[in-house]
Amino acid sequence: MSESFAELQEDFLRITREVVLCTVTTVGSNGRPRSRILHPIWEVRDGNPVGWVYTLPVGVKASHLAANPYVAVSYWSHAQEVVLSECLATWVEDAETKKYVYDLFNTTPEPIGFDLALFGVDSPESPMFSVLKLEPSRVQVLTDFPNTFTPRMAKI
């Protein structure tokens, strides 16, 4: 049964902030999946979750996203709590949004935020600074394991 994201929001944000890193899976034009670990910062805008990822548009990830812009995102906590989401992933090009995300990463307390200078990024205009925006169309949250194996779900 589908719920509204508002009903899942508190657990979604709590789990993603506790776990911090997630597995993001892309699928290439050959139909084969590839997973990697990424570090999104999630926020809620107009009632919907939005994830921001500092990552470079290179390699398998970039070629997969060019072929298919949809990703699966997975968090799994030590307490056996899970967040899953299916997202549209798009590269951010506009300067205003890139500045916003640059400031978000640099001002959000660790471990959610971090100093981008550690990665050679000294400004939002840096050629080393790229942003991937995650916009979920579906979110699942499992918080009552082992009492239930059925996650709560919101279609967005």
N, C-alpha and C. Protein backbone atom coordinates (compact mmCIF):
# COMPACT_ATOMS: atom_id res chain seq x y z
N MET A 1 0.84 -1.18 0.00
CA MET A 1 0.00 0.00 0.00
C MET A 1 0.89 1.25 0.00
N SER A 2 0.54 2.19 -0.80
CA SER A 2 1.33 3.41 -0.94
C SER A 2 0.90 4.46 0.08
N GLU A 3 1.88 5.14 0.64
CA GLU A 3 1.64 6.24 1.57
C GLU A 3 2.13 7.52 0.92
N SER A 4 1.90 8.64 1.58
CA SER A 4 2.48 9.89 1.09
C SER A 4 3.93 9.97 1.59
N PHE A 5 4.76 10.70 0.85
CA PHE A 5 6.14 10.86 1.30
C PHE A 5 6.18 11.52 2.67
N ALA A 6 5.25 12.42 2.95
CA ALA A 6 5.22 13.10 4.25
C ALA A 6 5.18 12.10 5.40
N GLU A 7 4.51 10.96 5.18
CA GLU A 7 4.43 9.94 6.23
C GLU A 7 5.75 9.20 6.41
N LEU A 8 6.59 9.20 5.40
CA LEU A 8 7.88 8.51 5.46
C LEU A 8 9.06 9.45 5.71
N GLN A 9 8.81 10.73 5.57
CA GLN A 9 9.88 11.73 5.55
C GLN A 9 10.80 11.64 6.76
N GLU A 10 10.25 11.59 7.95
CA GLU A 10 11.08 11.58 9.16
C GLU A 10 12.03 10.38 9.16
N ASP A 11 11.51 9.18 8.89
CA ASP A 11 12.36 7.99 8.86
C ASP A 11 13.34 8.03 7.69
N PHE A 12 12.89 8.50 6.54
CA PHE A 12 13.76 8.62 5.37
C PHE A 12 14.97 9.49 5.69
N LEU A 13 14.73 10.68 6.22
CA LEU A 13 15.83 11.59 6.53
C LEU A 13 16.70 11.06 7.66
N ARG A 14 16.11 10.46 8.67
CA ARG A 14 16.88 9.92 9.79
C ARG A 14 17.83 8.82 9.31
N ILE A 15 17.31 7.87 8.54
CA ILE A 15 18.14 6.75 8.09
C ILE A 15 19.22 7.22 7.12
N THR A 16 18.87 8.07 6.16
CA THR A 16 19.88 8.52 5.20
C THR A 16 20.97 9.34 5.89
N ARG A 17 20.62 10.05 6.94
CA ARG A 17 21.62 10.85 7.67
C ARG A 17 22.46 9.99 8.61
N GLU A 18 21.87 8.91 9.13
CA GLU A 18 22.65 8.01 9.99
C GLU A 18 23.62 7.17 9.17
N VAL A 19 23.17 6.68 8.04
CA VAL A 19 24.01 5.80 7.22
C VAL A 19 25.01 6.60 6.39
N VAL A 20 24.62 7.74 5.90
CA VAL A 20 25.43 8.70 5.13
C VAL A 20 25.72 8.22 3.70
N LEU A 21 26.47 7.15 3.55
CA LEU A 21 26.83 6.66 2.22
C LEU A 21 25.79 5.67 1.73
N CYS A 22 25.58 5.66 0.42
CA CYS A 22 24.59 4.74 -0.15
C CYS A 22 25.16 4.04 -1.37
N THR A 23 24.51 2.97 -1.75
CA THR A 23 24.82 2.30 -3.00
C THR A 23 23.90 2.86 -4.07
N VAL A 24 24.48 3.28 -5.18
CA VAL A 24 23.70 3.79 -6.32
C VAL A 24 23.99 2.87 -7.50
N THR A 25 22.93 2.34 -8.09
CA THR A 25 23.06 1.42 -9.21
C THR A 25 22.53 2.07 -10.48
N THR A 26 23.34 2.00 -11.53
CA THR A 26 22.96 2.49 -12.85
C THR A 26 22.88 1.28 -13.78
N VAL A 27 22.27 1.48 -14.95
CA VAL A 27 22.20 0.43 -15.96
C VAL A 27 22.65 1.03 -17.29
N GLY A 28 23.59 0.37 -17.93
CA GLY A 28 24.11 0.88 -19.19
C GLY A 28 23.27 0.48 -20.38
N SER A 29 23.68 0.93 -21.55
CA SER A 29 22.96 0.64 -22.78
C SER A 29 22.96 -0.85 -23.10
N ASN A 30 23.90 -1.60 -22.52
CA ASN A 30 23.95 -3.04 -22.72
C ASN A 30 23.04 -3.79 -21.75
N GLY A 31 22.32 -3.05 -20.88
CA GLY A 31 21.40 -3.67 -19.94
C GLY A 31 22.04 -4.20 -18.68
N ARG A 32 23.34 -4.00 -18.51
CA ARG A 32 24.03 -4.52 -17.33
C ARG A 32 24.12 -3.45 -16.24
N PRO A 33 23.86 -3.85 -14.99
CA PRO A 33 23.92 -2.90 -13.89
C PRO A 33 25.35 -2.72 -13.38
N ARG A 34 25.57 -1.59 -12.73
CA ARG A 34 26.83 -1.33 -12.03
C ARG A 34 26.50 -0.50 -10.80
N SER A 35 27.07 -0.88 -9.68
CA SER A 35 26.83 -0.17 -8.43
C SER A 35 28.09 0.51 -7.97
N ARG A 36 27.89 1.61 -7.23
CA ARG A 36 29.00 2.32 -6.62
C ARG A 36 28.49 3.00 -5.35
N ILE A 37 29.41 3.42 -4.51
CA ILE A 37 29.07 4.12 -3.27
C ILE A 37 29.13 5.62 -3.54
N LEU A 38 28.06 6.34 -3.16
CA LEU A 38 28.02 7.79 -3.29
C LEU A 38 27.56 8.41 -1.97
N HIS A 39 27.69 9.72 -1.88
CA HIS A 39 27.46 10.46 -0.64
C HIS A 39 26.48 11.62 -0.90
N PRO A 40 25.19 11.32 -0.99
CA PRO A 40 24.22 12.41 -1.22
C PRO A 40 23.92 13.19 0.05
N ILE A 41 23.51 14.42 -0.14
CA ILE A 41 22.83 15.17 0.91
C ILE A 41 21.38 15.28 0.46
N TRP A 42 20.47 14.83 1.32
CA TRP A 42 19.04 14.85 1.01
C TRP A 42 18.37 16.01 1.71
N GLU A 43 17.43 16.60 1.03
CA GLU A 43 16.57 17.62 1.62
C GLU A 43 15.18 17.43 1.04
N VAL A 44 14.23 18.13 1.62
CA VAL A 44 12.85 18.07 1.13
C VAL A 44 12.50 19.43 0.56
N ARG A 45 12.07 19.43 -0.70
CA ARG A 45 11.67 20.66 -1.39
C ARG A 45 10.26 20.47 -1.91
N ASP A 46 9.39 21.39 -1.54
CA ASP A 46 7.99 21.31 -1.96
C ASP A 46 7.38 19.95 -1.63
N GLY A 47 7.78 19.39 -0.49
CA GLY A 47 7.22 18.13 -0.02
C GLY A 47 7.84 16.88 -0.61
N ASN A 48 8.84 17.03 -1.48
CA ASN A 48 9.47 15.88 -2.13
C ASN A 48 10.95 15.80 -1.80
N PRO A 49 11.49 14.58 -1.69
CA PRO A 49 12.92 14.45 -1.43
C PRO A 49 13.74 14.79 -2.67
N VAL A 50 14.87 15.45 -2.44
CA VAL A 50 15.83 15.76 -3.49
C VAL A 50 17.22 15.45 -2.93
N GLY A 51 17.99 14.69 -3.68
CA GLY A 51 19.35 14.37 -3.26
C GLY A 51 20.36 15.10 -4.13
N TRP A 52 21.43 15.56 -3.49
CA TRP A 52 22.52 16.25 -4.19
C TRP A 52 23.80 15.45 -3.97
N VAL A 53 24.51 15.16 -5.05
CA VAL A 53 25.73 14.36 -4.97
C VAL A 53 26.87 15.11 -5.64
N TYR A 54 27.98 15.27 -4.92
CA TYR A 54 29.21 15.75 -5.55
C TYR A 54 29.88 14.53 -6.17
N THR A 55 30.01 14.52 -7.47
CA THR A 55 30.66 13.42 -8.18
C THR A 55 31.02 13.91 -9.58
N LEU A 56 31.99 13.28 -10.18
CA LEU A 56 32.42 13.72 -11.51
C LEU A 56 31.70 12.95 -12.61
N PRO A 57 31.39 13.61 -13.71
CA PRO A 57 30.67 12.96 -14.81
C PRO A 57 31.63 12.21 -15.74
N VAL A 58 32.26 11.17 -15.20
CA VAL A 58 33.25 10.42 -15.96
C VAL A 58 33.00 8.92 -15.81
N GLY A 59 33.62 8.14 -16.65
CA GLY A 59 33.64 6.70 -16.52
C GLY A 59 32.30 6.03 -16.76
N VAL A 60 32.17 4.85 -16.17
CA VAL A 60 30.98 4.02 -16.35
C VAL A 60 29.73 4.75 -15.89
N LYS A 61 29.81 5.42 -14.76
CA LYS A 61 28.64 6.15 -14.24
C LYS A 61 28.11 7.13 -15.28
N ALA A 62 28.98 7.93 -15.86
CA ALA A 62 28.56 8.93 -16.85
C ALA A 62 27.98 8.28 -18.09
N SER A 63 28.62 7.21 -18.58
CA SER A 63 28.10 6.56 -19.79
C SER A 63 26.76 5.88 -19.51
N HIS A 64 26.62 5.29 -18.34
CA HIS A 64 25.33 4.69 -17.98
C HIS A 64 24.24 5.74 -17.89
N LEU A 65 24.52 6.86 -17.23
CA LEU A 65 23.50 7.91 -17.08
C LEU A 65 23.15 8.54 -18.42
N ALA A 66 24.09 8.59 -19.34
CA ALA A 66 23.79 9.10 -20.68
C ALA A 66 22.82 8.16 -21.41
N ALA A 67 22.95 6.86 -21.15
CA ALA A 67 22.08 5.87 -21.79
C ALA A 67 20.75 5.72 -21.07
N ASN A 68 20.77 5.88 -19.75
CA ASN A 68 19.57 5.66 -18.93
C ASN A 68 19.69 6.50 -17.67
N PRO A 69 18.93 7.58 -17.53
CA PRO A 69 19.11 8.50 -16.41
C PRO A 69 18.46 8.05 -15.10
N TYR A 70 18.03 6.80 -15.00
CA TYR A 70 17.37 6.34 -13.78
C TYR A 70 18.33 5.49 -12.96
N VAL A 71 18.28 5.69 -11.64
CA VAL A 71 19.16 4.97 -10.73
C VAL A 71 18.34 4.38 -9.58
N ALA A 72 18.91 3.35 -8.97
CA ALA A 72 18.37 2.80 -7.73
C ALA A 72 19.34 3.17 -6.61
N VAL A 73 18.78 3.66 -5.51
CA VAL A 73 19.58 4.12 -4.37
C VAL A 73 19.21 3.27 -3.16
N SER A 74 20.22 2.82 -2.42
CA SER A 74 19.98 1.91 -1.30
C SER A 74 20.83 2.29 -0.09
N TYR A 75 20.16 2.40 1.06
CA TYR A 75 20.81 2.60 2.36
C TYR A 75 20.41 1.42 3.25
N TRP A 76 21.36 0.91 4.04
CA TRP A 76 21.07 -0.18 4.95
C TRP A 76 21.84 0.08 6.23
N SER A 77 21.13 0.29 7.33
CA SER A 77 21.77 0.65 8.60
C SER A 77 22.17 -0.58 9.39
N HIS A 78 23.02 -0.38 10.39
CA HIS A 78 23.41 -1.46 11.30
C HIS A 78 22.22 -1.98 12.09
N ALA A 79 21.20 -1.13 12.27
CA ALA A 79 19.98 -1.53 12.98
C ALA A 79 19.00 -2.25 12.06
N GLN A 80 19.46 -2.58 10.85
CA GLN A 80 18.64 -3.28 9.85
C GLN A 80 17.48 -2.44 9.34
N GLU A 81 17.66 -1.13 9.34
CA GLU A 81 16.68 -0.23 8.74
C GLU A 81 17.15 0.09 7.33
N VAL A 82 16.18 0.21 6.41
CA VAL A 82 16.51 0.32 5.00
C VAL A 82 15.75 1.48 4.37
N VAL A 83 16.44 2.20 3.48
CA VAL A 83 15.80 3.17 2.59
C VAL A 83 16.19 2.77 1.17
N LEU A 84 15.18 2.64 0.32
CA LEU A 84 15.39 2.38 -1.10
C LEU A 84 14.67 3.46 -1.88
N SER A 85 15.26 3.90 -2.98
CA SER A 85 14.55 4.85 -3.82
C SER A 85 14.93 4.64 -5.28
N GLU A 86 13.99 4.95 -6.13
CA GLU A 86 14.20 4.92 -7.57
C GLU A 86 14.15 6.37 -8.03
N CYS A 87 15.22 6.83 -8.67
CA CYS A 87 15.38 8.26 -8.93
C CYS A 87 15.72 8.56 -10.38
N LEU A 88 15.29 9.72 -10.81
CA LEU A 88 15.82 10.34 -12.02
C LEU A 88 17.09 11.07 -11.60
N ALA A 89 18.19 10.80 -12.29
CA ALA A 89 19.47 11.44 -11.97
C ALA A 89 19.86 12.37 -13.12
N THR A 90 20.07 13.63 -12.80
CA THR A 90 20.44 14.61 -13.83
C THR A 90 21.65 15.42 -13.38
N TRP A 91 22.50 15.74 -14.33
CA TRP A 91 23.66 16.59 -14.05
C TRP A 91 23.18 18.04 -13.96
N VAL A 92 23.62 18.73 -12.93
CA VAL A 92 23.26 20.13 -12.72
C VAL A 92 24.23 21.00 -13.50
N GLU A 93 23.68 21.90 -14.30
CA GLU A 93 24.51 22.78 -15.12
C GLU A 93 24.43 24.25 -14.69
N ASP A 94 23.31 24.66 -14.08
CA ASP A 94 23.15 26.10 -13.82
C ASP A 94 23.97 26.55 -12.61
N ALA A 95 24.57 27.72 -12.74
CA ALA A 95 25.51 28.25 -11.75
C ALA A 95 24.85 28.48 -10.40
N GLU A 96 23.62 28.93 -10.37
CA GLU A 96 22.94 29.21 -9.10
C GLU A 96 22.76 27.94 -8.28
N THR A 97 22.32 26.86 -8.92
CA THR A 97 22.14 25.60 -8.20
C THR A 97 23.48 25.02 -7.77
N LYS A 98 24.48 25.11 -8.64
CA LYS A 98 25.80 24.60 -8.27
C LYS A 98 26.36 25.35 -7.06
N LYS A 99 26.16 26.66 -7.00
CA LYS A 99 26.61 27.43 -5.83
C LYS A 99 25.85 26.99 -4.59
N TYR A 100 24.54 26.78 -4.72
CA TYR A 100 23.73 26.33 -3.59
C TYR A 100 24.27 24.99 -3.05
N VAL A 101 24.53 24.04 -3.94
CA VAL A 101 25.01 22.72 -3.52
C VAL A 101 26.43 22.81 -2.97
N TYR A 102 27.27 23.62 -3.57
CA TYR A 102 28.63 23.84 -3.05
C TYR A 102 28.56 24.33 -1.60
N ASP A 103 27.73 25.33 -1.36
CA ASP A 103 27.57 25.87 -0.01
C ASP A 103 26.95 24.82 0.92
N LEU A 104 26.00 24.05 0.42
CA LEU A 104 25.35 23.01 1.23
C LEU A 104 26.37 21.99 1.72
N PHE A 105 27.24 21.51 0.84
CA PHE A 105 28.25 20.53 1.25
C PHE A 105 29.24 21.14 2.23
N ASN A 106 29.64 22.38 2.01
CA ASN A 106 30.66 23.01 2.86
C ASN A 106 30.13 23.49 4.20
N THR A 107 28.82 23.71 4.33
CA THR A 107 28.28 24.24 5.59
C THR A 107 27.50 23.22 6.40
N THR A 108 27.11 22.11 5.80
CA THR A 108 26.40 21.07 6.55
C THR A 108 27.42 20.34 7.42
N PRO A 109 27.12 20.15 8.70
CA PRO A 109 28.08 19.49 9.59
C PRO A 109 28.42 18.07 9.11
N GLU A 110 29.67 17.67 9.38
CA GLU A 110 30.11 16.30 9.09
C GLU A 110 29.31 15.34 9.96
N PRO A 111 29.06 14.14 9.53
CA PRO A 111 29.59 13.52 8.32
C PRO A 111 28.71 13.72 7.08
N ILE A 112 27.60 14.42 7.21
CA ILE A 112 26.73 14.63 6.04
C ILE A 112 27.42 15.58 5.05
N GLY A 113 27.85 16.73 5.52
CA GLY A 113 28.61 17.65 4.69
C GLY A 113 30.09 17.40 4.87
N PHE A 114 30.88 18.03 4.02
CA PHE A 114 32.33 17.92 4.14
C PHE A 114 32.98 19.05 3.35
N ASP A 115 34.25 19.26 3.63
CA ASP A 115 35.01 20.33 2.98
C ASP A 115 35.41 19.88 1.59
N LEU A 116 34.82 20.48 0.58
CA LEU A 116 35.11 20.10 -0.80
C LEU A 116 36.55 20.40 -1.20
N ALA A 117 37.22 21.28 -0.47
CA ALA A 117 38.63 21.57 -0.76
C ALA A 117 39.50 20.31 -0.62
N LEU A 118 39.05 19.36 0.19
CA LEU A 118 39.78 18.10 0.33
C LEU A 118 39.89 17.37 -1.00
N PHE A 119 38.99 17.69 -1.94
CA PHE A 119 38.97 17.05 -3.25
C PHE A 119 39.40 18.02 -4.35
N GLY A 120 40.06 19.10 -3.95
CA GLY A 120 40.56 20.07 -4.92
C GLY A 120 39.51 21.01 -5.47
N VAL A 121 38.38 21.10 -4.78
CA VAL A 121 37.29 21.98 -5.22
C VAL A 121 37.31 23.23 -4.35
N ASP A 122 37.68 24.38 -4.93
CA ASP A 122 37.77 25.61 -4.15
C ASP A 122 36.67 26.61 -4.46
N SER A 123 35.79 26.27 -5.40
CA SER A 123 34.67 27.16 -5.72
C SER A 123 33.64 26.37 -6.53
N PRO A 124 32.41 26.89 -6.61
CA PRO A 124 31.41 26.19 -7.43
C PRO A 124 31.73 26.22 -8.92
N GLU A 125 32.64 27.10 -9.32
CA GLU A 125 33.05 27.18 -10.73
C GLU A 125 34.20 26.24 -11.06
N SER A 126 34.74 25.57 -10.06
CA SER A 126 35.88 24.68 -10.27
C SER A 126 35.53 23.59 -11.30
N PRO A 127 36.45 23.29 -12.20
CA PRO A 127 36.20 22.20 -13.15
C PRO A 127 36.10 20.84 -12.46
N MET A 128 36.53 20.78 -11.20
CA MET A 128 36.44 19.54 -10.42
C MET A 128 35.11 19.41 -9.68
N PHE A 129 34.21 20.37 -9.86
CA PHE A 129 32.94 20.35 -9.13
C PHE A 129 31.78 20.07 -10.08
N SER A 130 31.20 18.90 -9.94
CA SER A 130 30.01 18.52 -10.68
C SER A 130 28.97 18.03 -9.69
N VAL A 131 27.71 18.26 -10.03
CA VAL A 131 26.61 17.90 -9.14
C VAL A 131 25.63 17.01 -9.88
N LEU A 132 25.26 15.93 -9.22
CA LEU A 132 24.22 15.03 -9.72
C LEU A 132 23.00 15.21 -8.82
N LYS A 133 21.86 15.52 -9.43
CA LYS A 133 20.61 15.71 -8.70
C LYS A 133 19.80 14.43 -8.77
N LEU A 134 19.33 13.96 -7.61
CA LEU A 134 18.50 12.76 -7.52
C LEU A 134 17.08 13.15 -7.16
N GLU A 135 16.12 12.75 -8.00
CA GLU A 135 14.71 13.04 -7.77
C GLU A 135 13.93 11.73 -7.76
N PRO A 136 13.60 11.24 -6.56
CA PRO A 136 12.90 9.96 -6.47
C PRO A 136 11.48 10.00 -7.03
N SER A 137 11.12 8.90 -7.66
CA SER A 137 9.72 8.69 -8.07
C SER A 137 9.06 7.68 -7.14
N ARG A 138 9.88 6.97 -6.39
CA ARG A 138 9.37 5.99 -5.43
C ARG A 138 10.37 5.87 -4.30
N VAL A 139 9.87 5.79 -3.08
CA VAL A 139 10.71 5.64 -1.90
C VAL A 139 10.13 4.51 -1.06
N GLN A 140 11.02 3.65 -0.54
CA GLN A 140 10.61 2.61 0.40
C GLN A 140 11.43 2.76 1.67
N VAL A 141 10.77 2.55 2.81
CA VAL A 141 11.43 2.62 4.11
C VAL A 141 11.03 1.39 4.91
N LEU A 142 12.02 0.67 5.43
CA LEU A 142 11.77 -0.49 6.28
C LEU A 142 12.38 -0.19 7.64
N THR A 143 11.52 -0.11 8.67
CA THR A 143 12.02 0.25 10.01
C THR A 143 11.68 -0.77 11.08
N ASP A 144 10.88 -1.76 10.79
CA ASP A 144 10.41 -2.66 11.84
C ASP A 144 10.91 -4.09 11.64
N PHE A 145 12.10 -4.24 11.09
CA PHE A 145 12.70 -5.56 10.95
C PHE A 145 13.16 -6.02 12.32
N PRO A 146 12.99 -7.25 12.75
CA PRO A 146 12.52 -8.42 12.01
C PRO A 146 11.01 -8.67 12.13
N ASN A 147 10.28 -7.73 12.70
CA ASN A 147 8.83 -7.94 12.85
C ASN A 147 8.10 -7.92 11.52
N THR A 148 8.64 -7.20 10.55
CA THR A 148 8.04 -7.17 9.23
C THR A 148 9.13 -7.10 8.17
N PHE A 149 8.86 -7.70 7.05
CA PHE A 149 9.76 -7.63 5.91
C PHE A 149 9.16 -6.76 4.81
N THR A 150 8.07 -6.09 5.12
CA THR A 150 7.37 -5.27 4.14
C THR A 150 7.68 -3.80 4.38
N PRO A 151 8.36 -3.16 3.44
CA PRO A 151 8.66 -1.74 3.62
C PRO A 151 7.42 -0.88 3.37
N ARG A 152 7.41 0.28 3.99
CA ARG A 152 6.40 1.30 3.67
C ARG A 152 6.86 1.98 2.39
N MET A 153 5.92 2.37 1.54
CA MET A 153 6.29 2.90 0.24
C MET A 153 5.50 4.16 -0.08
N ALA A 154 6.18 5.09 -0.74
CA ALA A 154 5.53 6.30 -1.26
C ALA A 154 5.89 6.45 -2.73
N LYS A 155 4.87 6.64 -3.55
CA LYS A 155 5.09 7.01 -4.96
C LYS A 155 5.03 8.52 -5.04
N ILE A 156 5.99 9.09 -5.71
CA ILE A 156 6.10 10.55 -5.74
C ILE A 156 5.83 11.05 -7.15
